[in-house]
Amino acid sequence: MSIRAFFNSVKEGFKSIGRHPLVTIASITTILLMLIIISSFFIFSVYARSVMRRLEQQPPVEVYMELGADEQKLQTVEDYISKDARIMSYEKRSPEQNYNYFKENLGDSSSVLDSLDYNTYLPYTFNIRMNDPAQTEALAGTIRTIPGVSKVDVQSRVMDILARARHIVNITSVAAFVVLFIIALFIISNMVRISVYSRASEIEIMKFVGATNSYIRLPYIVEGAIVGLISAICAWGITILVYYRIYVSAMAKITPVSFYALISVRSIMWWVLLISAVTGILIGSIGSGISVRKYIKV
């Protein structure tokens, strides 16, 4: 196909949008609804992964020092923890801080600890948050060998459950996206087939006068891509507007550091636009290309 023929086909694709306004509106509405569902599921999957990531980063490793450990042993452990790249952050707690922490957790029953000599019975501890939970066991094994360390507690069962849950969420997200994409593709191809059918005789004439398959098919693909892009922009606007309303309402009762804090609108809005645009253009162009194949085989 020559460059001139290519641009003529593209120009024809833009003109085709206004020739069948009802079919165009129906196609835009169909793709728009599917893209809203896809975008909503994408936001939910991002939120679910974010919650699990926050849970995974909670202290999966608790280091208990020996009772009465001297300052040198404490400093040795802290120096190692502060320099290890596998560790995101850590919190050092004194016997007094641990004592107050236990009392807070006991609530109304905290009076049972009033006479406890925390300096005698409670150790210094380090609560560690990991960058990669998979490195937890290796880190714990190393810390156990440091002089002054009495015990290293690893919440491995919780981490295993979270790892499996994240894996399930990832697989479900991909599977749902593929299913929704195929459904949208099927629906839009049938919608476009109506427009193509009305021009079947025109396509046959073009074939008889020597038009190539690609020359005939390109305007429909361009038309489908434009319809998909328009649908994507509309779906993006609706999805982000609704999510913004939900975000403002929910975050009025939730602190930003909470496990359940929603993802900010700014951090996901451009990803939603990208996914909507790419998906919409693919659905529109591929669906149109599939619909016109039958009629160019003369």
Protein backbone atom coordinates (compact mmCIF):
# COMPACT_ATOMS: atom_id res chain seq x y z
CA MET A 1 0.00 0.00 0.00
CA SER A 2 1.34 3.41 -0.97
CA ILE A 3 1.65 6.28 1.51
CA ARG A 4 -1.12 8.15 -0.26
CA ALA A 5 -3.43 5.15 -0.12
CA PHE A 6 -2.61 4.71 3.57
CA PHE A 7 -3.58 8.28 4.46
CA ASN A 8 -6.72 8.03 2.32
CA SER A 9 -7.73 4.95 4.29
CA VAL A 10 -7.08 6.71 7.58
CA LYS A 11 -9.10 9.72 6.40
CA GLU A 12 -11.92 7.40 5.39
CA GLY A 13 -11.85 5.84 8.83
CA PHE A 14 -12.43 9.21 10.48
CA LYS A 15 -15.32 9.95 8.11
CA SER A 16 -16.93 6.57 8.80
CA ILE A 17 -17.59 7.48 12.41
CA GLY A 18 -20.32 9.96 11.42
CA ARG A 19 -21.94 7.78 8.76
CA HIS A 20 -23.59 5.42 11.26
CA PRO A 21 -24.08 7.50 14.41
CA LEU A 22 -26.34 4.98 16.16
CA VAL A 23 -23.88 2.13 15.64
CA THR A 24 -21.01 4.40 16.73
CA ILE A 25 -22.84 5.42 19.92
CA ALA A 26 -23.72 1.79 20.65
CA SER A 27 -20.10 0.74 20.11
CA ILE A 28 -18.76 3.54 22.33
CA THR A 29 -21.25 2.66 25.08
CA THR A 30 -20.39 -1.04 24.91
CA ILE A 31 -16.63 -0.50 25.10
CA LEU A 32 -17.08 2.19 27.76
CA LEU A 33 -18.98 -0.16 30.07
CA MET A 34 -16.41 -2.92 29.65
CA LEU A 35 -13.55 -0.49 30.28
CA ILE A 36 -15.20 0.79 33.46
CA ILE A 37 -15.37 -2.79 34.73
CA ILE A 38 -11.74 -3.44 33.74
CA SER A 39 -10.56 -0.16 35.32
CA SER A 40 -12.50 -0.83 38.52
CA PHE A 41 -11.03 -4.31 38.81
CA PHE A 42 -7.56 -2.89 38.18
CA ILE A 43 -7.98 -0.36 41.01
CA PHE A 44 -9.26 -3.10 43.33
CA SER A 45 -6.33 -5.39 42.50
CA VAL A 46 -3.83 -2.56 43.09
CA TYR A 47 -5.48 -1.83 46.44
CA ALA A 48 -5.43 -5.52 47.44
CA ARG A 49 -1.74 -5.83 46.58
CA SER A 50 -1.02 -2.62 48.48
CA VAL A 51 -2.73 -3.91 51.63
CA MET A 52 -0.80 -7.18 51.48
CA ARG A 53 2.46 -5.35 50.86
CA ARG A 54 1.87 -3.22 53.97
CA LEU A 55 1.09 -6.33 56.00
CA GLU A 56 4.23 -8.05 54.71
CA GLN A 57 6.31 -5.07 55.74
CA GLN A 58 5.06 -5.17 59.32
CA PRO A 59 7.65 -6.51 61.75
CA PRO A 60 7.98 -10.17 60.64
CA VAL A 61 11.22 -10.39 62.65
CA GLU A 62 11.48 -9.62 66.36
CA VAL A 63 14.94 -9.75 67.92
CA TYR A 64 15.08 -10.35 71.70
CA MET A 65 18.31 -9.43 73.45
CA GLU A 66 19.62 -11.23 76.50
CA LEU A 67 18.39 -9.88 79.83
CA GLY A 68 20.78 -7.26 81.05
CA ALA A 69 22.66 -7.08 77.73
CA ASP A 70 25.33 -4.37 77.91
CA GLU A 71 25.53 -1.33 75.67
CA GLN A 72 28.27 -2.82 73.49
CA LYS A 73 26.17 -5.86 72.52
CA LEU A 74 23.16 -3.64 71.84
CA GLN A 75 25.27 -1.40 69.63
CA THR A 76 26.71 -4.38 67.73
CA VAL A 77 23.24 -5.67 66.87
CA GLU A 78 21.95 -2.22 65.96
CA ASP A 79 24.96 -1.52 63.73
CA TYR A 80 24.33 -4.72 61.81
CA ILE A 81 20.58 -4.07 61.43
CA SER A 82 21.05 -0.47 60.34
CA LYS A 83 23.49 -1.45 57.55
CA ASP A 84 21.69 -4.52 56.13
CA ALA A 85 20.12 -3.65 52.76
CA ARG A 86 17.41 -6.28 53.22
CA ILE A 87 15.88 -4.28 56.06
CA MET A 88 13.46 -1.48 55.27
CA SER A 89 13.29 -0.07 58.80
CA TYR A 90 13.53 -1.12 62.41
CA GLU A 91 12.43 0.00 65.85
CA LYS A 92 14.52 -0.42 68.97
CA ARG A 93 12.54 -0.80 72.19
CA SER A 94 13.89 -0.51 75.71
CA PRO A 95 12.54 -2.64 78.60
CA GLU A 96 10.47 0.34 79.70
CA GLN A 97 8.98 0.81 76.21
CA ASN A 98 8.13 -2.90 76.02
CA TYR A 99 6.55 -2.67 79.46
CA ASN A 100 4.34 0.25 78.38
CA TYR A 101 3.48 -1.56 75.14
CA PHE A 102 2.32 -4.66 77.05
CA LYS A 103 0.24 -2.53 79.41
CA GLU A 104 -1.50 -0.78 76.53
CA ASN A 105 -2.39 -4.14 74.94
CA LEU A 106 -3.81 -5.48 78.21
CA GLY A 107 -6.24 -2.58 78.47
CA ASP A 108 -8.34 -2.81 81.66
CA SER A 109 -6.21 -5.71 82.91
CA SER A 110 -2.97 -3.72 82.76
CA SER A 111 -2.91 -3.35 86.57
CA VAL A 112 -1.44 -6.87 86.87
CA LEU A 113 1.84 -5.42 85.62
CA ASP A 114 1.99 -2.50 88.03
CA SER A 115 4.51 -4.17 90.34
CA LEU A 116 6.66 -5.70 87.57
CA ASP A 117 10.34 -4.71 87.57
CA TYR A 118 10.72 -4.36 83.81
CA ASN A 119 14.48 -3.80 83.97
CA THR A 120 14.86 -7.26 85.49
CA TYR A 121 12.36 -9.28 83.47
CA LEU A 122 12.08 -7.53 80.09
CA PRO A 123 14.83 -7.34 77.44
CA TYR A 124 15.69 -4.84 74.74
CA THR A 125 14.05 -5.76 71.44
CA PHE A 126 14.34 -4.83 67.77
CA ASN A 127 11.25 -4.95 65.55
CA ILE A 128 12.33 -5.25 61.92
CA ARG A 129 10.46 -4.52 58.70
CA MET A 130 11.74 -6.22 55.55
CA ASN A 131 12.09 -4.97 51.99
CA ASP A 132 11.63 -8.51 50.70
CA PRO A 133 9.82 -10.98 52.98
CA ALA A 134 11.51 -13.86 51.13
CA GLN A 135 14.79 -12.86 52.81
CA THR A 136 13.36 -13.13 56.32
CA GLU A 137 14.70 -16.59 57.24
CA ALA A 138 18.20 -15.82 55.94
CA LEU A 139 18.34 -12.58 57.93
CA ALA A 140 17.04 -14.26 61.10
CA GLY A 141 19.69 -16.99 60.83
CA THR A 142 22.46 -14.41 60.66
CA ILE A 143 21.15 -12.30 63.56
CA ARG A 144 20.90 -15.37 65.80
CA THR A 145 24.70 -15.73 65.62
CA ILE A 146 25.39 -12.22 66.94
CA PRO A 147 26.57 -12.18 70.60
CA GLY A 148 23.94 -10.88 73.00
CA VAL A 149 20.95 -12.07 70.97
CA SER A 150 18.71 -14.39 72.99
CA LYS A 151 15.95 -15.17 70.47
CA VAL A 152 14.80 -14.24 66.98
CA ASP A 153 11.07 -14.68 66.39
CA VAL A 154 9.97 -15.00 62.74
CA GLN A 155 6.30 -14.85 61.82
CA SER A 156 6.82 -17.28 58.96
CA ARG A 157 3.29 -18.72 58.89
CA VAL A 158 1.75 -15.29 58.46
CA MET A 159 4.24 -14.44 55.74
CA ASP A 160 3.50 -17.68 53.87
CA ILE A 161 -0.23 -16.95 53.95
CA LEU A 162 0.33 -13.42 52.66
CA ALA A 163 2.65 -14.65 49.90
CA ARG A 164 0.04 -17.16 48.71
CA ALA A 165 -2.70 -14.55 48.91
CA ARG A 166 -0.68 -12.11 46.80
CA HIS A 167 -0.03 -14.87 44.25
CA ILE A 168 -3.75 -15.62 44.04
CA VAL A 169 -4.59 -11.93 43.59
CA ASN A 170 -2.06 -11.60 40.75
CA ILE A 171 -3.38 -14.66 38.92
CA THR A 172 -7.00 -13.59 39.42
CA SER A 173 -6.24 -10.10 38.10
CA VAL A 174 -4.66 -11.41 34.91
CA ALA A 175 -7.40 -14.00 34.37
CA ALA A 176 -10.18 -11.46 34.91
CA PHE A 177 -8.54 -8.97 32.53
CA VAL A 178 -8.22 -11.61 29.79
CA VAL A 179 -11.84 -12.76 30.21
CA LEU A 180 -13.19 -9.20 30.17
CA PHE A 181 -11.04 -8.35 27.13
CA ILE A 182 -12.36 -11.36 25.18
CA ILE A 183 -15.96 -10.57 26.11
CA ALA A 184 -15.56 -6.94 25.05
CA LEU A 185 -13.85 -8.02 21.82
CA PHE A 186 -16.71 -10.39 20.99
CA ILE A 187 -19.37 -7.77 21.69
CA ILE A 188 -17.72 -4.97 19.73
CA SER A 189 -16.96 -7.23 16.74
CA ASN A 190 -20.66 -8.03 16.50
CA MET A 191 -21.59 -4.37 16.82
CA VAL A 192 -19.17 -3.37 14.06
CA ARG A 193 -20.42 -6.21 11.87
CA ILE A 194 -23.71 -4.30 11.53
CA SER A 195 -21.88 -1.31 10.05
CA VAL A 196 -19.80 -3.53 7.78
CA TYR A 197 -22.87 -5.44 6.56
CA SER A 198 -24.52 -2.22 5.43
CA ARG A 199 -21.51 -1.56 3.20
CA ALA A 200 -21.03 -5.12 1.94
CA SER A 201 -21.91 -4.22 -1.65
CA GLU A 202 -19.50 -1.27 -1.57
CA ILE A 203 -16.73 -3.55 -0.36
CA GLU A 204 -17.45 -6.04 -3.16
CA ILE A 205 -17.21 -3.28 -5.77
CA MET A 206 -13.91 -2.09 -4.32
CA LYS A 207 -12.59 -5.63 -4.52
CA PHE A 208 -13.62 -6.00 -8.16
CA VAL A 209 -11.89 -2.77 -9.16
CA GLY A 210 -8.61 -3.97 -7.60
CA ALA A 211 -8.59 -2.64 -4.00
CA THR A 212 -6.37 -4.69 -1.72
CA ASN A 213 -7.62 -6.31 1.48
CA SER A 214 -5.48 -4.04 3.62
CA TYR A 215 -6.80 -0.94 1.84
CA ILE A 216 -10.40 -2.01 2.53
CA ARG A 217 -9.77 -3.14 6.09
CA LEU A 218 -7.73 -0.13 7.31
CA PRO A 219 -10.59 2.42 7.50
CA TYR A 220 -12.58 0.06 9.71
CA ILE A 221 -9.57 -0.55 11.95
CA VAL A 222 -8.98 3.21 12.25
CA GLU A 223 -12.67 3.75 12.99
CA GLY A 224 -12.59 1.05 15.66
CA ALA A 225 -9.43 2.50 17.22
CA ILE A 226 -10.98 5.98 17.41
CA VAL A 227 -14.17 4.61 18.93
CA GLY A 228 -12.05 2.66 21.44
CA LEU A 229 -10.03 5.76 22.36
CA ILE A 230 -13.17 7.89 22.85
CA SER A 231 -14.63 5.13 25.03
CA ALA A 232 -11.39 4.91 27.02
CA ILE A 233 -11.31 8.63 27.79
CA CYS A 234 -14.96 8.60 28.88
CA ALA A 235 -14.47 5.44 30.98
CA TRP A 236 -11.35 6.94 32.59
CA GLY A 237 -13.18 10.14 33.51
CA ILE A 238 -16.14 8.29 35.03
CA THR A 239 -13.97 5.78 36.92
CA ILE A 240 -11.64 8.39 38.40
CA LEU A 241 -14.53 10.69 39.36
CA VAL A 242 -16.34 7.86 41.18
CA TYR A 243 -13.12 6.69 42.82
CA TYR A 244 -12.34 10.23 43.95
CA ARG A 245 -15.72 10.44 45.67
CA ILE A 246 -15.11 7.09 47.37
CA TYR A 247 -11.58 8.14 48.37
CA VAL A 248 -12.67 11.41 49.95
CA SER A 249 -15.49 9.70 51.85
CA ALA A 250 -13.42 6.72 53.05
CA MET A 251 -10.25 8.60 53.98
CA ALA A 252 -12.23 10.96 56.19
CA LYS A 253 -12.38 8.06 58.67
CA ILE A 254 -9.04 6.35 57.92
CA THR A 255 -5.51 7.60 58.60
CA PRO A 256 -3.04 7.53 55.67
CA VAL A 257 -0.78 5.06 57.53
CA SER A 258 -3.58 2.57 58.15
CA PHE A 259 -3.45 -0.89 56.57
CA TYR A 260 -6.75 -0.08 54.89
CA ALA A 261 -5.84 3.35 53.53
CA LEU A 262 -6.89 3.71 49.91
CA ILE A 263 -4.45 4.38 47.09
CA SER A 264 -4.32 8.09 46.31
CA VAL A 265 -6.12 9.23 43.16
CA ARG A 266 -3.00 10.85 41.74
CA SER A 267 -0.92 7.68 42.01
CA ILE A 268 -3.31 5.55 39.94
CA MET A 269 -5.15 7.94 37.60
CA TRP A 270 -2.53 7.89 34.84
CA TRP A 271 -2.16 4.11 35.04
CA VAL A 272 -5.93 3.78 34.66
CA LEU A 273 -5.83 6.10 31.64
CA LEU A 274 -3.01 4.12 30.05
CA ILE A 275 -4.73 0.77 30.57
CA SER A 276 -8.08 2.12 29.38
CA ALA A 277 -6.58 3.72 26.27
CA VAL A 278 -4.51 0.72 25.23
CA THR A 279 -7.32 -1.73 25.94
CA GLY A 280 -9.94 0.42 24.23
CA ILE A 281 -7.86 0.93 21.10
CA LEU A 282 -7.03 -2.78 20.89
CA ILE A 283 -10.64 -3.84 21.40
CA GLY A 284 -11.92 -1.36 18.83
CA SER A 285 -9.31 -1.99 16.15
CA ILE A 286 -9.09 -5.79 16.54
CA GLY A 287 -12.88 -6.12 16.77
CA SER A 288 -13.32 -4.08 13.61
CA GLY A 289 -10.60 -6.01 11.81
CA ILE A 290 -12.24 -9.32 12.69
CA SER A 291 -15.68 -8.11 11.55
CA VAL A 292 -14.56 -6.97 8.11
CA ARG A 293 -12.57 -10.12 7.26
CA LYS A 294 -15.65 -12.02 6.08
CA TYR A 295 -16.64 -9.33 3.58
CA ILE A 296 -13.27 -8.82 1.90
CA LYS A 297 -13.09 -12.46 0.80
CA VAL A 298 -14.84 -12.07 -2.52
